[in-house]
């Protein structure tokens, strides 16, 4: 039997497991909000932009200037959010301000050589599966002492280290780990989690530490069983996509999973409600969303 090719990523898997209707909006229809970054997520995106250019081999651009460029892009798209975006930019600037000194003092990067940032990698899950795993990795490099590949993921957090006890359960990190194992064909050094605290480090009332870094590793058996899990999820998505492609109504194929915390931050909360109340949902989507494929 010939299988239809299917693409998965850590974001696709998370969306599918969180709410199948969210997946339909975001990854079947490739919808994204038109106004760009929401102020609630702007700090994280600003910090990621700064770190991307800070770690870019050869340092081709000023990280601060890149953050300011992104802020202006968002303000142009949504001028009514100018104040919120500028506030997020100020906080982001203070968050990264002491990062270079922290690296120098802690020597966290002394055994690391970074070869790429915001790296896009695609790898086949295995012959006969017709599944492609795609990843967008913050930092890709190697340990100088061992020569083994390693990846690093940046996180803007309220409290440092609170997620470390659950790191081995995190599907994003596990997907990156498995993907790099399949991509390189060697047992690598896992995933480094690089945390920056959401606080104005220049404020005299703030207290360090402002940064933390921890590592997550998995065994060969854990990778094997996670591969099985991802293949199962990809096959679920393939089955649903086949029905949708054949013209079945998404409300017959997919089951939404309402949850107060997830719905609060979901970009599709309003059109989701409109799909069942008789409203002109397609008109609302045309006015407020654009079609743009995610990684």
C-alpha atoms as a PDB file:
ATOM      1  CA  UNK A   1       0.000   0.000   0.000  1.00  0.00           C
ATOM      2  CA  UNK A   2       1.327   3.416  -0.987  1.00  0.00           C
ATOM      3  CA  UNK A   3       1.212   5.867   1.905  1.00  0.00           C
ATOM      4  CA  UNK A   4       0.661   9.577   1.443  1.00  0.00           C
ATOM      5  CA  UNK A   5       3.728  11.488   2.672  1.00  0.00           C
ATOM      6  CA  UNK A   6       3.204  13.352   5.933  1.00  0.00           C
ATOM      7  CA  UNK A   7       5.316  15.988   7.671  1.00  0.00           C
ATOM      8  CA  UNK A   8       5.578  16.375  11.430  1.00  0.00           C
ATOM      9  CA  UNK A   9       7.486  18.616  13.826  1.00  0.00           C
ATOM     10  CA  UNK A  10       7.448  19.202  17.567  1.00  0.00           C
ATOM     11  CA  UNK A  11       4.972  22.063  17.013  1.00  0.00           C
ATOM     12  CA  UNK A  12       2.686  19.957  14.818  1.00  0.00           C
ATOM     13  CA  UNK A  13       2.710  17.124  17.345  1.00  0.00           C
ATOM     14  CA  UNK A  14       1.967  19.492  20.215  1.00  0.00           C
ATOM     15  CA  UNK A  15      -0.885  21.144  18.304  1.00  0.00           C
ATOM     16  CA  UNK A  16      -2.405  17.785  17.350  1.00  0.00           C
ATOM     17  CA  UNK A  17      -2.251  16.501  20.917  1.00  0.00           C
ATOM     18  CA  UNK A  18      -3.517  19.775  22.374  1.00  0.00           C
ATOM     19  CA  UNK A  19      -6.530  20.188  20.087  1.00  0.00           C
ATOM     20  CA  UNK A  20      -7.226  18.645  16.694  1.00  0.00           C
ATOM     21  CA  UNK A  21      -9.166  21.729  15.593  1.00  0.00           C
ATOM     22  CA  UNK A  22      -6.214  23.952  16.451  1.00  0.00           C
ATOM     23  CA  UNK A  23      -4.103  21.682  14.224  1.00  0.00           C
ATOM     24  CA  UNK A  24      -6.689  22.090  11.437  1.00  0.00           C
ATOM     25  CA  UNK A  25      -6.440  25.881  11.559  1.00  0.00           C
ATOM     26  CA  UNK A  26      -2.667  26.096  12.032  1.00  0.00           C
ATOM     27  CA  UNK A  27      -1.245  23.192  10.044  1.00  0.00           C
ATOM     28  CA  UNK A  28      -3.914  21.948   7.669  1.00  0.00           C
ATOM     29  CA  UNK A  29      -5.042  25.388   6.559  1.00  0.00           C
ATOM     30  CA  UNK A  30      -1.706  27.120   7.407  1.00  0.00           C
ATOM     31  CA  UNK A  31      -3.413  30.131   9.000  1.00  0.00           C
ATOM     32  CA  UNK A  32      -1.557  32.756  11.003  1.00  0.00           C
ATOM     33  CA  UNK A  33      -2.740  36.022  12.508  1.00  0.00           C
ATOM     34  CA  UNK A  34      -2.014  39.028  10.309  1.00  0.00           C
ATOM     35  CA  UNK A  35      -0.756  41.413  12.947  1.00  0.00           C
ATOM     36  CA  UNK A  36       2.443  39.503  13.670  1.00  0.00           C
ATOM     37  CA  UNK A  37       3.580  38.988  17.228  1.00  0.00           C
ATOM     38  CA  UNK A  38       1.121  39.408  20.077  1.00  0.00           C
ATOM     39  CA  UNK A  39       2.562  41.503  22.943  1.00  0.00           C
ATOM     40  CA  UNK A  40       2.264  38.467  25.226  1.00  0.00           C
ATOM     41  CA  UNK A  41       4.740  36.520  23.087  1.00  0.00           C
ATOM     42  CA  UNK A  42       6.858  39.441  21.872  1.00  0.00           C
ATOM     43  CA  UNK A  43       9.430  39.240  24.681  1.00  0.00           C
ATOM     44  CA  UNK A  44      10.262  35.631  23.881  1.00  0.00           C
ATOM     45  CA  UNK A  45      10.549  36.397  20.174  1.00  0.00           C
ATOM     46  CA  UNK A  46      12.714  39.455  20.774  1.00  0.00           C
ATOM     47  CA  UNK A  47      15.080  37.471  23.014  1.00  0.00           C
ATOM     48  CA  UNK A  48      15.264  34.661  20.455  1.00  0.00           C
ATOM     49  CA  UNK A  49      16.149  37.197  17.767  1.00  0.00           C
ATOM     50  CA  UNK A  50      18.924  38.668  19.915  1.00  0.00           C
ATOM     51  CA  UNK A  51      20.377  35.229  20.709  1.00  0.00           C
ATOM     52  CA  UNK A  52      20.131  34.133  17.077  1.00  0.00           C
ATOM     53  CA  UNK A  53      22.364  36.992  15.956  1.00  0.00           C
ATOM     54  CA  UNK A  54      24.606  36.875  19.016  1.00  0.00           C
ATOM     55  CA  UNK A  55      25.470  33.249  18.245  1.00  0.00           C
ATOM     56  CA  UNK A  56      25.455  33.574  14.449  1.00  0.00           C
ATOM     57  CA  UNK A  57      28.912  32.457  13.214  1.00  0.00           C
ATOM     58  CA  UNK A  58      30.954  35.501  12.328  1.00  0.00           C
ATOM     59  CA  UNK A  59      28.521  37.870  14.115  1.00  0.00           C
ATOM     60  CA  UNK A  60      27.293  39.425  10.810  1.00  0.00           C
ATOM     61  CA  UNK A  61      24.798  41.806  12.457  1.00  0.00           C
ATOM     62  CA  UNK A  62      24.233  43.681  15.708  1.00  0.00           C
ATOM     63  CA  UNK A  63      21.770  41.652  17.839  1.00  0.00           C
ATOM     64  CA  UNK A  64      20.225  44.785  19.350  1.00  0.00           C
ATOM     65  CA  UNK A  65      19.635  46.291  15.920  1.00  0.00           C
ATOM     66  CA  UNK A  66      17.924  43.092  14.805  1.00  0.00           C
ATOM     67  CA  UNK A  67      15.534  43.283  17.767  1.00  0.00           C
ATOM     68  CA  UNK A  68      14.717  46.881  16.928  1.00  0.00           C
ATOM     69  CA  UNK A  69      14.104  45.974  13.270  1.00  0.00           C
ATOM     70  CA  UNK A  70      11.640  43.278  14.340  1.00  0.00           C
ATOM     71  CA  UNK A  71       9.856  45.734  16.639  1.00  0.00           C
ATOM     72  CA  UNK A  72       9.427  48.202  13.784  1.00  0.00           C
ATOM     73  CA  UNK A  73       8.066  45.473  11.504  1.00  0.00           C
ATOM     74  CA  UNK A  74       5.404  44.573  14.058  1.00  0.00           C
ATOM     75  CA  UNK A  75       4.511  48.212  14.730  1.00  0.00           C
ATOM     76  CA  UNK A  76       4.071  48.766  10.992  1.00  0.00           C
ATOM     77  CA  UNK A  77       1.690  45.805  10.834  1.00  0.00           C
ATOM     78  CA  UNK A  78      -0.200  46.745  13.999  1.00  0.00           C
ATOM     79  CA  UNK A  79       0.353  50.419  14.964  1.00  0.00           C
ATOM     80  CA  UNK A  80      -2.265  50.147  17.712  1.00  0.00           C
ATOM     81  CA  UNK A  81       0.139  47.812  19.564  1.00  0.00           C
ATOM     82  CA  UNK A  82       3.083  50.229  19.416  1.00  0.00           C
ATOM     83  CA  UNK A  83       3.229  50.914  23.146  1.00  0.00           C
ATOM     84  CA  UNK A  84       3.001  47.228  24.121  1.00  0.00           C
ATOM     85  CA  UNK A  85       5.615  46.217  21.559  1.00  0.00           C
ATOM     86  CA  UNK A  86       8.025  48.948  22.689  1.00  0.00           C
ATOM     87  CA  UNK A  87       7.554  47.893  26.324  1.00  0.00           C
ATOM     88  CA  UNK A  88       8.368  44.315  25.341  1.00  0.00           C
ATOM     89  CA  UNK A  89      11.475  45.539  23.490  1.00  0.00           C
ATOM     90  CA  UNK A  90      12.702  47.442  26.561  1.00  0.00           C
ATOM     91  CA  UNK A  91      12.248  44.424  28.825  1.00  0.00           C
ATOM     92  CA  UNK A  92      13.955  42.146  26.292  1.00  0.00           C
ATOM     93  CA  UNK A  93      16.916  44.541  26.074  1.00  0.00           C
ATOM     94  CA  UNK A  94      17.404  44.435  29.849  1.00  0.00           C
ATOM     95  CA  UNK A  95      17.039  40.632  29.874  1.00  0.00           C
ATOM     96  CA  UNK A  96      19.947  40.078  27.501  1.00  0.00           C
ATOM     97  CA  UNK A  97      22.084  42.986  28.721  1.00  0.00           C
ATOM     98  CA  UNK A  98      24.110  40.955  31.226  1.00  0.00           C
ATOM     99  CA  UNK A  99      24.155  37.728  29.221  1.00  0.00           C
ATOM    100  CA  UNK A 100      27.640  38.154  27.650  1.00  0.00           C
ATOM    101  CA  UNK A 101      29.155  38.850  31.071  1.00  0.00           C
ATOM    102  CA  UNK A 102      27.399  35.809  32.531  1.00  0.00           C
ATOM    103  CA  UNK A 103      28.878  33.630  29.783  1.00  0.00           C
ATOM    104  CA  UNK A 104      32.337  35.008  30.487  1.00  0.00           C
ATOM    105  CA  UNK A 105      32.034  34.489  34.246  1.00  0.00           C
ATOM    106  CA  UNK A 106      30.408  31.044  34.080  1.00  0.00           C
ATOM    107  CA  UNK A 107      32.391  29.821  31.059  1.00  0.00           C
ATOM    108  CA  UNK A 108      29.239  28.027  29.936  1.00  0.00           C
ATOM    109  CA  UNK A 109      30.261  28.097  26.277  1.00  0.00           C
ATOM    110  CA  UNK A 110      33.940  27.250  26.785  1.00  0.00           C
ATOM    111  CA  UNK A 111      33.601  23.656  25.480  1.00  0.00           C
ATOM    112  CA  UNK A 112      31.041  24.472  22.789  1.00  0.00           C
ATOM    113  CA  UNK A 113      31.451  25.456  19.158  1.00  0.00           C
ATOM    114  CA  UNK A 114      28.282  26.742  17.481  1.00  0.00           C
ATOM    115  CA  UNK A 115      28.058  26.235  13.730  1.00  0.00           C
ATOM    116  CA  UNK A 116      24.548  27.499  12.955  1.00  0.00           C
ATOM    117  CA  UNK A 117      21.552  29.302  14.433  1.00  0.00           C
ATOM    118  CA  UNK A 118      17.866  28.987  13.537  1.00  0.00           C
ATOM    119  CA  UNK A 119      18.815  25.878  11.609  1.00  0.00           C
ATOM    120  CA  UNK A 120      16.143  24.100   9.543  1.00  0.00           C
ATOM    121  CA  UNK A 121      16.666  20.344   9.368  1.00  0.00           C
ATOM    122  CA  UNK A 122      14.464  17.701   7.767  1.00  0.00           C
ATOM    123  CA  UNK A 123      15.017  13.979   8.249  1.00  0.00           C
ATOM    124  CA  UNK A 124      13.147  10.873   7.129  1.00  0.00           C
ATOM    125  CA  UNK A 125      11.695   8.812   9.974  1.00  0.00           C
ATOM    126  CA  UNK A 126      12.505   5.551   8.218  1.00  0.00           C
ATOM    127  CA  UNK A 127      12.049   3.597   5.012  1.00  0.00           C
ATOM    128  CA  UNK A 128       8.421   2.722   4.388  1.00  0.00           C
ATOM    129  CA  UNK A 129       6.988   5.254   6.864  1.00  0.00           C
ATOM    130  CA  UNK A 130       6.729   8.173   4.392  1.00  0.00           C
ATOM    131  CA  UNK A 131       7.142  10.499   7.391  1.00  0.00           C
ATOM    132  CA  UNK A 132       9.426  13.536   7.375  1.00  0.00           C
ATOM    133  CA  UNK A 133      10.418  15.111  10.683  1.00  0.00           C
ATOM    134  CA  UNK A 134      11.289  18.807  10.432  1.00  0.00           C
ATOM    135  CA  UNK A 135      13.026  20.875  13.085  1.00  0.00           C
ATOM    136  CA  UNK A 136      13.909  24.518  13.595  1.00  0.00           C
ATOM    137  CA  UNK A 137      16.799  24.492  16.057  1.00  0.00           C
ATOM    138  CA  UNK A 138      17.978  27.583  17.939  1.00  0.00           C
ATOM    139  CA  UNK A 139      21.653  26.533  18.066  1.00  0.00           C
ATOM    140  CA  UNK A 140      23.475  23.646  16.403  1.00  0.00           C
ATOM    141  CA  UNK A 141      27.083  22.808  17.189  1.00  0.00           C
ATOM    142  CA  UNK A 142      29.440  20.353  18.833  1.00  0.00           C
ATOM    143  CA  UNK A 143      31.365  19.761  22.010  1.00  0.00           C
ATOM    144  CA  UNK A 144      35.021  20.520  21.439  1.00  0.00           C
ATOM    145  CA  UNK A 145      36.153  17.873  23.951  1.00  0.00           C
ATOM    146  CA  UNK A 146      34.218  15.001  22.349  1.00  0.00           C
ATOM    147  CA  UNK A 147      33.437  16.213  18.839  1.00  0.00           C
ATOM    148  CA  UNK A 148      29.833  15.071  19.333  1.00  0.00           C
ATOM    149  CA  UNK A 149      26.900  17.105  17.935  1.00  0.00           C
ATOM    150  CA  UNK A 150      24.743  19.078  20.340  1.00  0.00           C
ATOM    151  CA  UNK A 151      21.769  21.440  20.116  1.00  0.00           C
ATOM    152  CA  UNK A 152      20.644  24.259  22.398  1.00  0.00           C
ATOM    153  CA  UNK A 153      17.140  25.639  22.886  1.00  0.00           C
ATOM    154  CA  UNK A 154      16.522  29.113  24.335  1.00  0.00           C
ATOM    155  CA  UNK A 155      13.709  29.774  26.800  1.00  0.00           C
ATOM    156  CA  UNK A 156      12.402  33.003  28.340  1.00  0.00           C
ATOM    157  CA  UNK A 157      11.069  31.995  31.762  1.00  0.00           C
ATOM    158  CA  UNK A 158       9.564  33.481  34.898  1.00  0.00           C
ATOM    159  CA  UNK A 159      11.582  31.210  37.206  1.00  0.00           C
ATOM    160  CA  UNK A 160      14.869  29.520  36.420  1.00  0.00           C
ATOM    161  CA  UNK A 161      15.094  25.741  36.533  1.00  0.00           C
ATOM    162  CA  UNK A 162      11.454  25.014  37.312  1.00  0.00           C
ATOM    163  CA  UNK A 163      11.103  22.828  34.200  1.00  0.00           C
ATOM    164  CA  UNK A 164      14.362  20.935  34.665  1.00  0.00           C
ATOM    165  CA  UNK A 165      12.794  18.002  36.623  1.00  0.00           C
ATOM    166  CA  UNK A 166      10.426  17.431  33.684  1.00  0.00           C
ATOM    167  CA  UNK A 167      12.969  17.974  30.908  1.00  0.00           C
ATOM    168  CA  UNK A 168      13.158  14.318  29.890  1.00  0.00           C
ATOM    169  CA  UNK A 169       9.362  14.290  29.440  1.00  0.00           C
ATOM    170  CA  UNK A 170       9.272  17.423  27.288  1.00  0.00           C
ATOM    171  CA  UNK A 171       8.139  16.377  23.772  1.00  0.00           C
ATOM    172  CA  UNK A 172       9.874  19.346  22.130  1.00  0.00           C
ATOM    173  CA  UNK A 173      13.261  18.382  23.542  1.00  0.00           C
ATOM    174  CA  UNK A 174      12.690  14.684  22.846  1.00  0.00           C
ATOM    175  CA  UNK A 175      11.774  15.457  19.236  1.00  0.00           C
ATOM    176  CA  UNK A 176      14.944  17.522  18.768  1.00  0.00           C
ATOM    177  CA  UNK A 177      17.019  14.749  20.343  1.00  0.00           C
ATOM    178  CA  UNK A 178      15.525  12.000  18.172  1.00  0.00           C
ATOM    179  CA  UNK A 179      15.672  14.150  15.042  1.00  0.00           C
ATOM    180  CA  UNK A 180      19.364  14.921  15.532  1.00  0.00           C
ATOM    181  CA  UNK A 181      20.076  11.245  16.206  1.00  0.00           C
ATOM    182  CA  UNK A 182      18.387  10.300  12.925  1.00  0.00           C
ATOM    183  CA  UNK A 183      20.074  13.203  11.118  1.00  0.00           C
ATOM    184  CA  UNK A 184      23.639  12.584  12.301  1.00  0.00           C
ATOM    185  CA  UNK A 185      23.554   8.824  12.800  1.00  0.00           C
ATOM    186  CA  UNK A 186      25.626   9.115  15.969  1.00  0.00           C
ATOM    187  CA  UNK A 187      24.838   9.188  19.661  1.00  0.00           C
ATOM    188  CA  UNK A 188      25.058  12.886  20.440  1.00  0.00           C
ATOM    189  CA  UNK A 189      25.144  14.934  23.615  1.00  0.00           C
ATOM    190  CA  UNK A 190      21.435  15.624  24.016  1.00  0.00           C
ATOM    191  CA  UNK A 191      19.817  19.037  24.368  1.00  0.00           C
ATOM    192  CA  UNK A 192      21.023  22.084  26.293  1.00  0.00           C
ATOM    193  CA  UNK A 193      18.258  24.313  27.665  1.00  0.00           C
ATOM    194  CA  UNK A 194      19.388  27.943  27.917  1.00  0.00           C
ATOM    195  CA  UNK A 195      17.112  29.972  30.217  1.00  0.00           C
ATOM    196  CA  UNK A 196      16.837  33.761  30.492  1.00  0.00           C
ATOM    197  CA  UNK A 197      14.670  35.132  33.269  1.00  0.00           C
ATOM    198  CA  UNK A 198      11.891  37.586  32.396  1.00  0.00           C
ATOM    199  CA  UNK A 199      13.096  40.373  34.645  1.00  0.00           C
ATOM    200  CA  UNK A 200      14.750  43.776  34.294  1.00  0.00           C
ATOM    201  CA  UNK A 201      18.276  42.837  35.354  1.00  0.00           C
ATOM    202  CA  UNK A 202      19.196  46.533  35.486  1.00  0.00           C
ATOM    203  CA  UNK A 203      16.605  47.280  38.156  1.00  0.00           C
ATOM    204  CA  UNK A 204      18.262  47.729  41.555  1.00  0.00           C
ATOM    205  CA  UNK A 205      15.434  45.770  43.175  1.00  0.00           C
ATOM    206  CA  UNK A 206      16.002  42.704  40.977  1.00  0.00           C
ATOM    207  CA  UNK A 207      18.224  39.932  42.259  1.00  0.00           C
ATOM    208  CA  UNK A 208      20.335  37.421  40.328  1.00  0.00           C
ATOM    209  CA  UNK A 209      20.596  34.795  39.029  1.00  0.00           C
ATOM    210  CA  UNK A 210      19.194  35.915  35.695  1.00  0.00           C
ATOM    211  CA  UNK A 211      20.381  32.974  33.603  1.00  0.00           C
ATOM    212  CA  UNK A 212      20.640  29.203  33.873  1.00  0.00           C
ATOM    213  CA  UNK A 213      21.565  26.300  31.642  1.00  0.00           C
ATOM    214  CA  UNK A 214      20.790  22.623  32.054  1.00  0.00           C
ATOM    215  CA  UNK A 215      21.137  19.498  29.967  1.00  0.00           C
ATOM    216  CA  UNK A 216      18.773  16.684  29.010  1.00  0.00           C
ATOM    217  CA  UNK A 217      19.846  13.267  27.704  1.00  0.00           C
ATOM    218  CA  UNK A 218      18.000  10.118  26.696  1.00  0.00           C
ATOM    219  CA  UNK A 219      18.977   6.472  26.264  1.00  0.00           C
ATOM    220  CA  UNK A 220      18.802   4.464  23.047  1.00  0.00           C
ATOM    221  CA  UNK A 221      15.703   2.663  24.367  1.00  0.00           C
ATOM    222  CA  UNK A 222      13.981   5.970  25.093  1.00  0.00           C
ATOM    223  CA  UNK A 223      14.731   7.151  21.576  1.00  0.00           C
ATOM    224  CA  UNK A 224      13.360   3.906  20.106  1.00  0.00           C
ATOM    225  CA  UNK A 225      10.069   4.123  21.998  1.00  0.00           C
ATOM    226  CA  UNK A 226       9.697   7.816  21.225  1.00  0.00           C
ATOM    227  CA  UNK A 227      10.193   6.999  17.532  1.00  0.00           C
ATOM    228  CA  UNK A 228       7.280   4.559  17.831  1.00  0.00           C
ATOM    229  CA  UNK A 229       5.153   7.264  19.467  1.00  0.00           C
ATOM    230  CA  UNK A 230       5.890   9.813  16.754  1.00  0.00           C
ATOM    231  CA  UNK A 231       5.131   7.340  13.979  1.00  0.00           C
ATOM    232  CA  UNK A 232       1.782   6.572  15.638  1.00  0.00           C
ATOM    233  CA  UNK A 233       0.906  10.276  15.883  1.00  0.00           C
ATOM    234  CA  UNK A 234       1.994  10.880  12.278  1.00  0.00           C
ATOM    235  CA  UNK A 235      -0.262   8.050  11.118  1.00  0.00           C
ATOM    236  CA  UNK A 236      -3.203   9.587  13.013  1.00  0.00           C
ATOM    237  CA  UNK A 237      -2.541  12.883  11.249  1.00  0.00           C
ATOM    238  CA  UNK A 238      -2.199  11.122   7.891  1.00  0.00           C
ATOM    239  CA  UNK A 239      -5.576   9.399   8.353  1.00  0.00           C
ATOM    240  CA  UNK A 240      -7.318  12.659   9.292  1.00  0.00           C
ATOM    241  CA  UNK A 241      -5.650  14.560   6.441  1.00  0.00           C
ATOM    242  CA  UNK A 242      -6.785  11.921   3.939  1.00  0.00           C
ATOM    243  CA  UNK A 243     -10.414  12.374   4.997  1.00  0.00           C
ATOM    244  CA  UNK A 244     -10.163  16.157   4.876  1.00  0.00           C
ATOM    245  CA  UNK A 245      -8.504  16.054   1.464  1.00  0.00           C
ATOM    246  CA  UNK A 246     -11.405  13.896   0.264  1.00  0.00           C
ATOM    247  CA  UNK A 247     -13.829  16.680   1.208  1.00  0.00           C
ATOM    248  CA  UNK A 248     -15.139  15.559   4.588  1.00  0.00           C
ATOM    249  CA  UNK A 249     -16.241  18.334   6.949  1.00  0.00           C
ATOM    250  CA  UNK A 250     -13.609  18.963   9.631  1.00  0.00           C
ATOM    251  CA  UNK A 251     -16.338  18.796  12.271  1.00  0.00           C
ATOM    252  CA  UNK A 252     -16.917  15.167  11.305  1.00  0.00           C
ATOM    253  CA  UNK A 253     -13.243  14.280  11.252  1.00  0.00           C
ATOM    254  CA  UNK A 254     -11.641  16.201  14.118  1.00  0.00           C
ATOM    255  CA  UNK A 255     -12.417  16.494  17.812  1.00  0.00           C
ATOM    256  CA  UNK A 256     -11.693  19.833  19.543  1.00  0.00           C
ATOM    257  CA  UNK A 257     -10.355  19.686  23.090  1.00  0.00           C
ATOM    258  CA  UNK A 258     -11.536  22.789  24.990  1.00  0.00           C
ATOM    259  CA  UNK A 259      -9.295  23.686  27.899  1.00  0.00           C
ATOM    260  CA  UNK A 260      -9.395  27.035  29.674  1.00  0.00           C
ATOM    261  CA  UNK A 261      -5.608  27.472  29.798  1.00  0.00           C
ATOM    262  CA  UNK A 262      -4.959  26.358  26.229  1.00  0.00           C
ATOM    263  CA  UNK A 263      -7.952  28.229  24.776  1.00  0.00           C
ATOM    264  CA  UNK A 264      -6.868  31.442  26.513  1.00  0.00           C
ATOM    265  CA  UNK A 265      -3.628  31.550  24.520  1.00  0.00           C
ATOM    266  CA  UNK A 266      -4.883  29.904  21.319  1.00  0.00           C
ATOM    267  CA  UNK A 267      -4.743  32.147  18.225  1.00  0.00           C
ATOM    268  CA  UNK A 268      -7.917  30.488  16.900  1.00  0.00           C
ATOM    269  CA  UNK A 269     -10.240  30.799  19.897  1.00  0.00           C
ATOM    270  CA  UNK A 270     -12.687  33.141  18.131  1.00  0.00           C
ATOM    271  CA  UNK A 271     -12.951  31.352  14.756  1.00  0.00           C
ATOM    272  CA  UNK A 272     -13.149  28.045  16.631  1.00  0.00           C
ATOM    273  CA  UNK A 273     -16.363  29.188  18.324  1.00  0.00           C
ATOM    274  CA  UNK A 274     -17.663  30.589  15.063  1.00  0.00           C
ATOM    275  CA  UNK A 275     -17.386  27.223  13.280  1.00  0.00           C
ATOM    276  CA  UNK A 276     -20.336  25.948  15.301  1.00  0.00           C
ATOM    277  CA  UNK A 277     -22.575  28.976  15.900  1.00  0.00           C
ATOM    278  CA  UNK A 278     -23.561  29.757  12.313  1.00  0.00           C
ATOM    279  CA  UNK A 279     -21.401  32.878  12.020  1.00  0.00           C
ATOM    280  CA  UNK A 280     -19.532  33.933   8.894  1.00  0.00           C
ATOM    281  CA  UNK A 281     -16.320  32.282  10.028  1.00  0.00           C
ATOM    282  CA  UNK A 282     -14.647  32.393   6.604  1.00  0.00           C
ATOM    283  CA  UNK A 283     -15.229  36.135   6.385  1.00  0.00           C
ATOM    284  CA  UNK A 284     -13.643  36.586   9.805  1.00  0.00           C
ATOM    285  CA  UNK A 285     -10.683  34.431   8.806  1.00  0.00           C
ATOM    286  CA  UNK A 286     -10.151  36.373   5.565  1.00  0.00           C
ATOM    287  CA  UNK A 287     -10.055  39.652   7.496  1.00  0.00           C
ATOM    288  CA  UNK A 288      -7.871  38.575  10.399  1.00  0.00           C
ATOM    289  CA  UNK A 289      -5.597  35.772   9.175  1.00  0.00           C
ATOM    290  CA  UNK A 290      -3.106  35.076   6.416  1.00  0.00           C
ATOM    291  CA  UNK A 291      -2.017  31.806   4.832  1.00  0.00           C
ATOM    292  CA  UNK A 292       1.623  31.100   5.678  1.00  0.00           C
ATOM    293  CA  UNK A 293       3.147  27.677   6.164  1.00  0.00           C
ATOM    294  CA  UNK A 294       4.908  27.054   9.461  1.00  0.00           C
ATOM    295  CA  UNK A 295       7.989  24.947  10.067  1.00  0.00           C
END
